[in-house]
Amino acid sequence: MSLDDTAFARIADETLEAVMDAVEGALGDQADVDLDGGILTIDLDAGGQYVINKHAPNRQIWMSSPKSGATHYEYDAKAAGWRCTRSGSRFDETLAAELKTLTGVAVRL
């Protein structure tokens, strides 16, 4: 099921805000986290930057990762989550696993 523009914007915004809150809460002393204009930036003190944004034309969330490179995620209504367009992996699980590897801190997304 494809999201309409309004549903996409709402779900994507909620996702980005939730990720920002979770990362700030868990890594506030190890990362600079900023959400501005639908673009979430996570600068890790140990090095590396994540840029996560909503891409409205494709109704996707795009992530640029210092660990895995660029990935695109589409919303899976059945799973109530974002899935990678190539691997099928979940956005929240991928990001949490990468952050744990890079910082040693578990981030619950």
PDB file of N, CA and C in Angstrom:
ATOM      1  N   MET A   1       0.842  -1.189   0.000  1.00  0.00           N
ATOM      2  CA  MET A   1       0.000   0.000   0.000  1.00  0.00           C
ATOM      3  C   MET A   1       0.880   1.243   0.000  1.00  0.00           C
ATOM      4  N   SER A   2       0.636   2.123  -0.916  1.00  0.00           N
ATOM      5  CA  SER A   2       1.416   3.347  -1.045  1.00  0.00           C
ATOM      6  C   SER A   2       0.794   4.455  -0.184  1.00  0.00           C
ATOM      7  N   LEU A   3       1.651   5.247   0.409  1.00  0.00           N
ATOM      8  CA  LEU A   3       1.179   6.362   1.225  1.00  0.00           C
ATOM      9  C   LEU A   3       0.837   7.543   0.338  1.00  0.00           C
ATOM     10  N   ASP A   4      -0.206   8.294   0.709  1.00  0.00           N
ATOM     11  CA  ASP A   4      -0.435   9.554   0.008  1.00  0.00           C
ATOM     12  C   ASP A   4       0.524  10.596   0.597  1.00  0.00           C
ATOM     13  N   ASP A   5       0.595  11.751  -0.020  1.00  0.00           N
ATOM     14  CA  ASP A   5       1.563  12.774   0.397  1.00  0.00           C
ATOM     15  C   ASP A   5       1.404  13.186   1.854  1.00  0.00           C
ATOM     16  N   THR A   6       0.161  13.332   2.298  1.00  0.00           N
ATOM     17  CA  THR A   6      -0.099  13.774   3.671  1.00  0.00           C
ATOM     18  C   THR A   6       0.337  12.714   4.680  1.00  0.00           C
ATOM     19  N   ALA A   7      -0.018  11.480   4.419  1.00  0.00           N
ATOM     20  CA  ALA A   7       0.368  10.389   5.329  1.00  0.00           C
ATOM     21  C   ALA A   7       1.882  10.215   5.343  1.00  0.00           C
ATOM     22  N   PHE A   8       2.507  10.290   4.165  1.00  0.00           N
ATOM     23  CA  PHE A   8       3.961  10.184   4.118  1.00  0.00           C
ATOM     24  C   PHE A   8       4.617  11.264   4.962  1.00  0.00           C
ATOM     25  N   ALA A   9       4.209  12.514   4.773  1.00  0.00           N
ATOM     26  CA  ALA A   9       4.817  13.628   5.508  1.00  0.00           C
ATOM     27  C   ALA A   9       4.647  13.438   7.013  1.00  0.00           C
ATOM     28  N   ARG A  10       3.472  13.024   7.440  1.00  0.00           N
ATOM     29  CA  ARG A  10       3.215  12.833   8.878  1.00  0.00           C
ATOM     30  C   ARG A  10       4.080  11.715   9.443  1.00  0.00           C
ATOM     31  N   ILE A  11       4.078  10.557   8.782  1.00  0.00           N
ATOM     32  CA  ILE A  11       4.826   9.408   9.297  1.00  0.00           C
ATOM     33  C   ILE A  11       6.328   9.672   9.244  1.00  0.00           C
ATOM     34  N   ALA A  12       6.807  10.284   8.169  1.00  0.00           N
ATOM     35  CA  ALA A  12       8.240  10.590   8.053  1.00  0.00           C
ATOM     36  C   ALA A  12       8.669  11.588   9.121  1.00  0.00           C
ATOM     37  N   ASP A  13       7.867  12.633   9.336  1.00  0.00           N
ATOM     38  CA  ASP A  13       8.196  13.619  10.374  1.00  0.00           C
ATOM     39  C   ASP A  13       8.212  12.977  11.758  1.00  0.00           C
ATOM     40  N   GLU A  14       7.216  12.148  12.042  1.00  0.00           N
ATOM     41  CA  GLU A  14       7.172  11.453  13.336  1.00  0.00           C
ATOM     42  C   GLU A  14       8.396  10.563  13.519  1.00  0.00           C
ATOM     43  N   THR A  15       8.798   9.883  12.449  1.00  0.00           N
ATOM     44  CA  THR A  15       9.968   9.004  12.511  1.00  0.00           C
ATOM     45  C   THR A  15      11.226   9.800  12.808  1.00  0.00           C
ATOM     46  N   LEU A  16      11.446  10.876  12.069  1.00  0.00           N
ATOM     47  CA  LEU A  16      12.654  11.690  12.262  1.00  0.00           C
ATOM     48  C   LEU A  16      12.695  12.291  13.668  1.00  0.00           C
ATOM     49  N   GLU A  17      11.559  12.763  14.153  1.00  0.00           N
ATOM     50  CA  GLU A  17      11.514  13.334  15.507  1.00  0.00           C
ATOM     51  C   GLU A  17      11.793  12.270  16.565  1.00  0.00           C
ATOM     52  N   ALA A  18      11.229  11.079  16.385  1.00  0.00           N
ATOM     53  CA  ALA A  18      11.447   9.995  17.345  1.00  0.00           C
ATOM     54  C   ALA A  18      12.914   9.563  17.351  1.00  0.00           C
ATOM     55  N   VAL A  19      13.525   9.471  16.169  1.00  0.00           N
ATOM     56  CA  VAL A  19      14.938   9.110  16.086  1.00  0.00           C
ATOM     57  C   VAL A  19      15.791  10.178  16.752  1.00  0.00           C
ATOM     58  N   MET A  20      15.496  11.446  16.476  1.00  0.00           N
ATOM     59  CA  MET A  20      16.243  12.534  17.105  1.00  0.00           C
ATOM     60  C   MET A  20      16.172  12.431  18.630  1.00  0.00           C
ATOM     61  N   ASP A  21      14.977  12.255  19.169  1.00  0.00           N
ATOM     62  CA  ASP A  21      14.803  12.170  20.623  1.00  0.00           C
ATOM     63  C   ASP A  21      15.560  10.978  21.208  1.00  0.00           C
ATOM     64  N   ALA A  22      15.468   9.827  20.543  1.00  0.00           N
ATOM     65  CA  ALA A  22      16.130   8.624  21.047  1.00  0.00           C
ATOM     66  C   ALA A  22      17.645   8.755  21.005  1.00  0.00           C
ATOM     67  N   VAL A  23      18.176   9.289  19.908  1.00  0.00           N
ATOM     68  CA  VAL A  23      19.629   9.430  19.773  1.00  0.00           C
ATOM     69  C   VAL A  23      20.148  10.474  20.753  1.00  0.00           C
ATOM     70  N   GLU A  24      19.452  11.584  20.881  1.00  0.00           N
ATOM     71  CA  GLU A  24      19.858  12.607  21.855  1.00  0.00           C
ATOM     72  C   GLU A  24      19.846  12.044  23.269  1.00  0.00           C
ATOM     73  N   GLY A  25      18.819  11.282  23.601  1.00  0.00           N
ATOM     74  CA  GLY A  25      18.711  10.707  24.931  1.00  0.00           C
ATOM     75  C   GLY A  25      19.818   9.713  25.242  1.00  0.00           C
ATOM     76  N   ALA A  26      20.177   8.912  24.263  1.00  0.00           N
ATOM     77  CA  ALA A  26      21.185   7.868  24.489  1.00  0.00           C
ATOM     78  C   ALA A  26      22.612   8.358  24.263  1.00  0.00           C
ATOM     79  N   LEU A  27      22.790   9.261  23.299  1.00  0.00           N
ATOM     80  CA  LEU A  27      24.144   9.658  22.898  1.00  0.00           C
ATOM     81  C   LEU A  27      24.413  11.149  23.050  1.00  0.00           C
ATOM     82  N   GLY A  28      23.611  11.815  23.863  1.00  0.00           N
ATOM     83  CA  GLY A  28      23.735  13.260  24.005  1.00  0.00           C
ATOM     84  C   GLY A  28      25.132  13.756  24.311  1.00  0.00           C
ATOM     85  N   ASP A  29      25.929  12.941  25.023  1.00  0.00           N
ATOM     86  CA  ASP A  29      27.289  13.358  25.350  1.00  0.00           C
ATOM     87  C   ASP A  29      28.316  12.844  24.344  1.00  0.00           C
ATOM     88  N   GLN A  30      27.853  12.106  23.315  1.00  0.00           N
ATOM     89  CA  GLN A  30      28.765  11.548  22.306  1.00  0.00           C
ATOM     90  C   GLN A  30      28.412  11.971  20.882  1.00  0.00           C
ATOM     91  N   ALA A  31      27.389  12.812  20.741  1.00  0.00           N
ATOM     92  CA  ALA A  31      26.954  13.186  19.401  1.00  0.00           C
ATOM     93  C   ALA A  31      26.252  14.541  19.427  1.00  0.00           C
ATOM     94  N   ASP A  32      26.334  15.219  18.305  1.00  0.00           N
ATOM     95  CA  ASP A  32      25.574  16.443  18.081  1.00  0.00           C
ATOM     96  C   ASP A  32      24.434  16.073  17.145  1.00  0.00           C
ATOM     97  N   VAL A  33      23.200  16.264  17.611  1.00  0.00           N
ATOM     98  CA  VAL A  33      22.018  15.830  16.862  1.00  0.00           C
ATOM     99  C   VAL A  33      21.178  17.049  16.521  1.00  0.00           C
ATOM    100  N   ASP A  34      20.800  17.178  15.235  1.00  0.00           N
ATOM    101  CA  ASP A  34      20.049  18.351  14.802  1.00  0.00           C
ATOM    102  C   ASP A  34      18.998  17.930  13.772  1.00  0.00           C
ATOM    103  N   LEU A  35      17.784  18.423  13.937  1.00  0.00           N
ATOM    104  CA  LEU A  35      16.708  18.189  12.977  1.00  0.00           C
ATOM    105  C   LEU A  35      16.242  19.547  12.486  1.00  0.00           C
ATOM    106  N   ASP A  36      16.406  19.779  11.183  1.00  0.00           N
ATOM    107  CA  ASP A  36      16.036  21.073  10.615  1.00  0.00           C
ATOM    108  C   ASP A  36      15.512  20.860   9.201  1.00  0.00           C
ATOM    109  N   GLY A  37      14.293  21.302   8.959  1.00  0.00           N
ATOM    110  CA  GLY A  37      13.723  21.223   7.623  1.00  0.00           C
ATOM    111  C   GLY A  37      13.589  19.819   7.068  1.00  0.00           C
ATOM    112  N   GLY A  38      13.318  18.853   7.939  1.00  0.00           N
ATOM    113  CA  GLY A  38      13.154  17.478   7.487  1.00  0.00           C
ATOM    114  C   GLY A  38      14.466  16.745   7.270  1.00  0.00           C
ATOM    115  N   ILE A  39      15.570  17.346   7.727  1.00  0.00           N
ATOM    116  CA  ILE A  39      16.885  16.713   7.612  1.00  0.00           C
ATOM    117  C   ILE A  39      17.453  16.513   9.015  1.00  0.00           C
ATOM    118  N   LEU A  40      17.700  15.251   9.355  1.00  0.00           N
ATOM    119  CA  LEU A  40      18.269  14.895  10.653  1.00  0.00           C
ATOM    120  C   LEU A  40      19.756  14.628  10.460  1.00  0.00           C
ATOM    121  N   THR A  41      20.579  15.352  11.216  1.00  0.00           N
ATOM    122  CA  THR A  41      22.024  15.178  11.141  1.00  0.00           C
ATOM    123  C   THR A  41      22.520  14.688  12.489  1.00  0.00           C
ATOM    124  N   ILE A  42      23.295  13.618  12.473  1.00  0.00           N
ATOM    125  CA  ILE A  42      23.897  13.067  13.686  1.00  0.00           C
ATOM    126  C   ILE A  42      25.405  13.075  13.475  1.00  0.00           C
ATOM    127  N   ASP A  43      26.097  13.974  14.168  1.00  0.00           N
ATOM    128  CA  ASP A  43      27.556  14.046  14.106  1.00  0.00           C
ATOM    129  C   ASP A  43      28.117  13.350  15.332  1.00  0.00           C
ATOM    130  N   LEU A  44      28.806  12.251  15.117  1.00  0.00           N
ATOM    131  CA  LEU A  44      29.374  11.483  16.225  1.00  0.00           C
ATOM    132  C   LEU A  44      30.708  12.097  16.643  1.00  0.00           C
ATOM    133  N   ASP A  45      30.892  12.278  17.937  1.00  0.00           N
ATOM    134  CA  ASP A  45      32.142  12.832  18.453  1.00  0.00           C
ATOM    135  C   ASP A  45      33.337  11.962  18.064  1.00  0.00           C
ATOM    136  N   ALA A  46      33.135  10.660  17.960  1.00  0.00           N
ATOM    137  CA  ALA A  46      34.202   9.727  17.603  1.00  0.00           C
ATOM    138  C   ALA A  46      34.526   9.780  16.109  1.00  0.00           C
ATOM    139  N   GLY A  47      33.746  10.537  15.361  1.00  0.00           N
ATOM    140  CA  GLY A  47      33.937  10.647  13.921  1.00  0.00           C
ATOM    141  C   GLY A  47      32.808   9.999  13.161  1.00  0.00           C
ATOM    142  N   GLY A  48      32.433  10.603  12.081  1.00  0.00           N
ATOM    143  CA  GLY A  48      31.355  10.084  11.249  1.00  0.00           C
ATOM    144  C   GLY A  48      30.094  10.905  11.381  1.00  0.00           C
ATOM    145  N   GLN A  49      29.352  10.974  10.299  1.00  0.00           N
ATOM    146  CA  GLN A  49      28.116  11.744  10.274  1.00  0.00           C
ATOM    147  C   GLN A  49      27.020  10.968   9.559  1.00  0.00           C
ATOM    148  N   TYR A  50      25.848  10.970  10.156  1.00  0.00           N
ATOM    149  CA  TYR A  50      24.642  10.445   9.525  1.00  0.00           C
ATOM    150  C   TYR A  50      23.818  11.628   9.040  1.00  0.00           C
ATOM    151  N   VAL A  51      23.280  11.505   7.846  1.00  0.00           N
ATOM    152  CA  VAL A  51      22.302  12.465   7.343  1.00  0.00           C
ATOM    153  C   VAL A  51      21.092  11.636   6.934  1.00  0.00           C
ATOM    154  N   ILE A  52      19.969  11.922   7.581  1.00  0.00           N
ATOM    155  CA  ILE A  52      18.735  11.169   7.350  1.00  0.00           C
ATOM    156  C   ILE A  52      17.662  12.183   6.981  1.00  0.00           C
ATOM    157  N   ASN A  53      17.027  11.982   5.838  1.00  0.00           N
ATOM    158  CA  ASN A  53      16.023  12.948   5.416  1.00  0.00           C
ATOM    159  C   ASN A  53      14.857  12.264   4.730  1.00  0.00           C
ATOM    160  N   LYS A  54      13.759  12.987   4.703  1.00  0.00           N
ATOM    161  CA  LYS A  54      12.606  12.476   3.969  1.00  0.00           C
ATOM    162  C   LYS A  54      12.742  12.940   2.524  1.00  0.00           C
ATOM    163  N   HIS A  55      12.434  12.059   1.611  1.00  0.00           N
ATOM    164  CA  HIS A  55      12.504  12.351   0.186  1.00  0.00           C
ATOM    165  C   HIS A  55      11.084  12.238  -0.361  1.00  0.00           C
ATOM    166  N   ALA A  56      10.399  13.374  -0.389  1.00  0.00           N
ATOM    167  CA  ALA A  56       8.976  13.399  -0.727  1.00  0.00           C
ATOM    168  C   ALA A  56       8.646  12.884  -2.125  1.00  0.00           C
ATOM    169  N   PRO A  57       9.438  13.208  -3.163  1.00  0.00           N
ATOM    170  CA  PRO A  57       9.050  12.718  -4.493  1.00  0.00           C
ATOM    171  C   PRO A  57       8.925  11.192  -4.571  1.00  0.00           C
ATOM    172  N   ASN A  58       9.765  10.480  -3.837  1.00  0.00           N
ATOM    173  CA  ASN A  58       9.718   9.018  -3.849  1.00  0.00           C
ATOM    174  C   ASN A  58       8.995   8.450  -2.636  1.00  0.00           C
ATOM    175  N   ARG A  59       8.588   9.323  -1.725  1.00  0.00           N
ATOM    176  CA  ARG A  59       7.961   8.916  -0.463  1.00  0.00           C
ATOM    177  C   ARG A  59       8.847   7.927   0.279  1.00  0.00           C
ATOM    178  N   GLN A  60      10.098   8.313   0.447  1.00  0.00           N
ATOM    179  CA  GLN A  60      11.084   7.476   1.109  1.00  0.00           C
ATOM    180  C   GLN A  60      11.833   8.283   2.160  1.00  0.00           C
ATOM    181  N   ILE A  61      12.486   7.551   3.056  1.00  0.00           N
ATOM    182  CA  ILE A  61      13.480   8.138   3.946  1.00  0.00           C
ATOM    183  C   ILE A  61      14.828   7.679   3.414  1.00  0.00           C
ATOM    184  N   TRP A  62      15.732   8.632   3.259  1.00  0.00           N
ATOM    185  CA  TRP A  62      17.070   8.336   2.766  1.00  0.00           C
ATOM    186  C   TRP A  62      18.054   8.504   3.912  1.00  0.00           C
ATOM    187  N   MET A  63      19.021   7.602   3.986  1.00  0.00           N
ATOM    188  CA  MET A  63      20.041   7.681   5.028  1.00  0.00           C
ATOM    189  C   MET A  63      21.427   7.591   4.397  1.00  0.00           C
ATOM    190  N   SER A  64      22.270   8.535   4.770  1.00  0.00           N
ATOM    191  CA  SER A  64      23.681   8.485   4.421  1.00  0.00           C
ATOM    192  C   SER A  64      24.412   8.133   5.713  1.00  0.00           C
ATOM    193  N   SER A  65      25.138   7.024   5.683  1.00  0.00           N
ATOM    194  CA  SER A  65      25.773   6.475   6.875  1.00  0.00           C
ATOM    195  C   SER A  65      27.284   6.387   6.693  1.00  0.00           C
ATOM    196  N   PRO A  66      28.053   6.722   7.743  1.00  0.00           N
ATOM    197  CA  PRO A  66      29.503   6.547   7.655  1.00  0.00           C
ATOM    198  C   PRO A  66      29.899   5.068   7.654  1.00  0.00           C
ATOM    199  N   LYS A  67      28.964   4.201   8.015  1.00  0.00           N
ATOM    200  CA  LYS A  67      29.245   2.762   8.098  1.00  0.00           C
ATOM    201  C   LYS A  67      28.780   1.997   6.859  1.00  0.00           C
ATOM    202  N   SER A  68      27.560   2.271   6.410  1.00  0.00           N
ATOM    203  CA  SER A  68      26.983   1.471   5.322  1.00  0.00           C
ATOM    204  C   SER A  68      26.730   2.239   4.036  1.00  0.00           C
ATOM    205  N   GLY A  69      27.025   3.524   4.010  1.00  0.00           N
ATOM    206  CA  GLY A  69      26.794   4.308   2.798  1.00  0.00           C
ATOM    207  C   GLY A  69      25.353   4.783   2.694  1.00  0.00           C
ATOM    208  N   ALA A  70      24.890   4.925   1.464  1.00  0.00           N
ATOM    209  CA  ALA A  70      23.550   5.469   1.216  1.00  0.00           C
ATOM    210  C   ALA A  70      22.523   4.347   1.080  1.00  0.00           C
ATOM    211  N   THR A  71      21.389   4.514   1.765  1.00  0.00           N
ATOM    212  CA  THR A  71      20.283   3.569   1.659  1.00  0.00           C
ATOM    213  C   THR A  71      18.971   4.335   1.596  1.00  0.00           C
ATOM    214  N   HIS A  72      17.977   3.706   0.975  1.00  0.00           N
ATOM    215  CA  HIS A  72      16.652   4.292   0.841  1.00  0.00           C
ATOM    216  C   HIS A  72      15.645   3.353   1.479  1.00  0.00           C
ATOM    217  N   TYR A  73      14.662   3.927   2.164  1.00  0.00           N
ATOM    218  CA  TYR A  73      13.666   3.142   2.890  1.00  0.00           C
ATOM    219  C   TYR A  73      12.262   3.565   2.489  1.00  0.00           C
ATOM    220  N   GLU A  74      11.412   2.566   2.253  1.00  0.00           N
ATOM    221  CA  GLU A  74       9.997   2.803   1.970  1.00  0.00           C
ATOM    222  C   GLU A  74       9.176   2.324   3.158  1.00  0.00           C
ATOM    223  N   TYR A  75       8.048   2.977   3.378  1.00  0.00           N
ATOM    224  CA  TYR A  75       7.207   2.616   4.505  1.00  0.00           C
ATOM    225  C   TYR A  75       6.457   1.319   4.219  1.00  0.00           C
ATOM    226  N   ASP A  76       6.521   0.405   5.170  1.00  0.00           N
ATOM    227  CA  ASP A  76       5.813  -0.869   5.093  1.00  0.00           C
ATOM    228  C   ASP A  76       4.682  -0.814   6.122  1.00  0.00           C
ATOM    229  N   ALA A  77       3.484  -0.578   5.641  1.00  0.00           N
ATOM    230  CA  ALA A  77       2.341  -0.411   6.547  1.00  0.00           C
ATOM    231  C   ALA A  77       2.072  -1.671   7.360  1.00  0.00           C
ATOM    232  N   LYS A  78       2.281  -2.845   6.774  1.00  0.00           N
ATOM    233  CA  LYS A  78       2.040  -4.092   7.502  1.00  0.00           C
ATOM    234  C   LYS A  78       2.977  -4.229   8.692  1.00  0.00           C
ATOM    235  N   ALA A  79       4.221  -3.802   8.513  1.00  0.00           N
ATOM    236  CA  ALA A  79       5.213  -3.903   9.589  1.00  0.00           C
ATOM    237  C   ALA A  79       5.280  -2.623  10.416  1.00  0.00           C
ATOM    238  N   ALA A  80       4.527  -1.605  10.003  1.00  0.00           N
ATOM    239  CA  ALA A  80       4.547  -0.297  10.655  1.00  0.00           C
ATOM    240  C   ALA A  80       5.979   0.196  10.834  1.00  0.00           C
ATOM    241  N   GLY A  81       6.735   0.139   9.745  1.00  0.00           N
ATOM    242  CA  GLY A  81       8.112   0.602   9.792  1.00  0.00           C
ATOM    243  C   GLY A  81       8.679   0.791   8.398  1.00  0.00           C
ATOM    244  N   TRP A  82       9.862   1.336   8.355  1.00  0.00           N
ATOM    245  CA  TRP A  82      10.547   1.637   7.095  1.00  0.00           C
ATOM    246  C   TRP A  82      11.486   0.497   6.733  1.00  0.00           C
ATOM    247  N   ARG A  83      11.410   0.019   5.485  1.00  0.00           N
ATOM    248  CA  ARG A  83      12.236  -1.095   5.002  1.00  0.00           C
ATOM    249  C   ARG A  83      13.119  -0.632   3.847  1.00  0.00           C
ATOM    250  N   CYS A  84      14.354  -1.131   3.857  1.00  0.00           N
ATOM    251  CA  CYS A  84      15.323  -0.806   2.817  1.00  0.00           C
ATOM    252  C   CYS A  84      14.811  -1.306   1.469  1.00  0.00           C
ATOM    253  N   THR A  85      14.928  -0.476   0.452  1.00  0.00           N
ATOM    254  CA  THR A  85      14.446  -0.846  -0.877  1.00  0.00           C
ATOM    255  C   THR A  85      15.307  -1.934  -1.515  1.00  0.00           C
ATOM    256  N   ARG A  86      16.534  -2.120  -1.045  1.00  0.00           N
ATOM    257  CA  ARG A  86      17.421  -3.149  -1.615  1.00  0.00           C
ATOM    258  C   ARG A  86      17.435  -4.420  -0.776  1.00  0.00           C
ATOM    259  N   SER A  87      17.674  -4.283   0.521  1.00  0.00           N
ATOM    260  CA  SER A  87      17.869  -5.473   1.359  1.00  0.00           C
ATOM    261  C   SER A  87      16.617  -5.904   2.118  1.00  0.00           C
ATOM    262  N   GLY A  88      15.666  -5.000   2.281  1.00  0.00           N
ATOM    263  CA  GLY A  88      14.479  -5.307   3.069  1.00  0.00           C
ATOM    264  C   GLY A  88      14.686  -5.120   4.567  1.00  0.00           C
ATOM    265  N   SER A  89      15.899  -4.733   4.970  1.00  0.00           N
ATOM    266  CA  SER A  89      16.167  -4.534   6.400  1.00  0.00           C
ATOM    267  C   SER A  89      15.406  -3.319   6.920  1.00  0.00           C
ATOM    268  N   ARG A  90      15.126  -3.346   8.202  1.00  0.00           N
ATOM    269  CA  ARG A  90      14.375  -2.262   8.835  1.00  0.00           C
ATOM    270  C   ARG A  90      15.296  -1.085   9.142  1.00  0.00           C
ATOM    271  N   PHE A  91      14.824   0.110   8.897  1.00  0.00           N
ATOM    272  CA  PHE A  91      15.571   1.335   9.155  1.00  0.00           C
ATOM    273  C   PHE A  91      15.979   1.447  10.619  1.00  0.00           C
ATOM    274  N   ASP A  92      15.021   1.251  11.534  1.00  0.00           N
ATOM    275  CA  ASP A  92      15.312   1.424  12.956  1.00  0.00           C
ATOM    276  C   ASP A  92      16.348   0.424  13.449  1.00  0.00           C
ATOM    277  N   GLU A  93      16.242  -0.815  12.989  1.00  0.00           N
ATOM    278  CA  GLU A  93      17.198  -1.848  13.408  1.00  0.00           C
ATOM    279  C   GLU A  93      18.586  -1.588  12.841  1.00  0.00           C
ATOM    280  N   THR A  94      18.648  -1.168  11.589  1.00  0.00           N
ATOM    281  CA  THR A  94      19.937  -0.877  10.952  1.00  0.00           C
ATOM    282  C   THR A  94      20.639   0.275  11.656  1.00  0.00           C
ATOM    283  N   LEU A  95      19.917   1.372  11.868  1.00  0.00           N
ATOM    284  CA  LEU A  95      20.522   2.533  12.511  1.00  0.00           C
ATOM    285  C   LEU A  95      20.954   2.217  13.936  1.00  0.00           C
ATOM    286  N   ALA A  96      20.114   1.533  14.692  1.00  0.00           N
ATOM    287  CA  ALA A  96      20.458   1.184  16.077  1.00  0.00           C
ATOM    288  C   ALA A  96      21.705   0.308  16.128  1.00  0.00           C
ATOM    289  N   ALA A  97      21.787  -0.681  15.244  1.00  0.00           N
ATOM    290  CA  ALA A  97      22.950  -1.579  15.225  1.00  0.00           C
ATOM    291  C   ALA A  97      24.226  -0.824  14.857  1.00  0.00           C
ATOM    292  N   GLU A  98      24.125   0.058  13.879  1.00  0.00           N
ATOM    293  CA  GLU A  98      25.304   0.830  13.480  1.00  0.00           C
ATOM    294  C   GLU A  98      25.765   1.764  14.590  1.00  0.00           C
ATOM    295  N   LEU A  99      24.818   2.449  15.230  1.00  0.00           N
ATOM    296  CA  LEU A  99      25.194   3.363  16.310  1.00  0.00           C
ATOM    297  C   LEU A  99      25.849   2.606  17.463  1.00  0.00           C
ATOM    298  N   LYS A 100      25.337   1.417  17.762  1.00  0.00           N
ATOM    299  CA  LYS A 100      25.949   0.613  18.835  1.00  0.00           C
ATOM    300  C   LYS A 100      27.376   0.224  18.455  1.00  0.00           C
ATOM    301  N   THR A 101      27.583  -0.176  17.214  1.00  0.00           N
ATOM    302  CA  THR A 101      28.921  -0.539  16.755  1.00  0.00           C
ATOM    303  C   THR A 101      29.869   0.655  16.844  1.00  0.00           C
ATOM    304  N   LEU A 102      29.410   1.826  16.450  1.00  0.00           N
ATOM    305  CA  LEU A 102      30.272   3.009  16.383  1.00  0.00           C
ATOM    306  C   LEU A 102      30.499   3.684  17.735  1.00  0.00           C
ATOM    307  N   THR A 103      29.530   3.537  18.662  1.00  0.00           N
ATOM    308  CA  THR A 103      29.647   4.253  19.941  1.00  0.00           C
ATOM    309  C   THR A 103      29.726   3.342  21.150  1.00  0.00           C
ATOM    310  N   GLY A 104      29.303   2.080  21.001  1.00  0.00           N
ATOM    311  CA  GLY A 104      29.265   1.163  22.129  1.00  0.00           C
ATOM    312  C   GLY A 104      28.025   1.346  22.986  1.00  0.00           C
ATOM    313  N   VAL A 105      27.130   2.221  22.570  1.00  0.00           N
ATOM    314  CA  VAL A 105      25.908   2.509  23.337  1.00  0.00           C
ATOM    315  C   VAL A 105      24.694   1.992  22.578  1.00  0.00           C
ATOM    316  N   ALA A 106      23.830   1.285  23.277  1.00  0.00           N
ATOM    317  CA  ALA A 106      22.590   0.800  22.669  1.00  0.00           C
ATOM    318  C   ALA A 106      21.589   1.953  22.608  1.00  0.00           C
ATOM    319  N   VAL A 107      21.059   2.193  21.417  1.00  0.00           N
ATOM    320  CA  VAL A 107      20.043   3.220  21.209  1.00  0.00           C
ATOM    321  C   VAL A 107      18.756   2.503  20.848  1.00  0.00           C
ATOM    322  N   ARG A 108      17.729   2.727  21.638  1.00  0.00           N
ATOM    323  CA  ARG A 108      16.434   2.073  21.396  1.00  0.00           C
ATOM    324  C   ARG A 108      15.599   2.978  20.507  1.00  0.00           C
ATOM    325  N   LEU A 109      15.338   2.496  19.288  1.00  0.00           N
ATOM    326  CA  LEU A 109      14.568   3.285  18.319  1.00  0.00           C
ATOM    327  C   LEU A 109      13.188   2.690  18.112  1.00  0.00           C
TER     328      LEU A 109
END
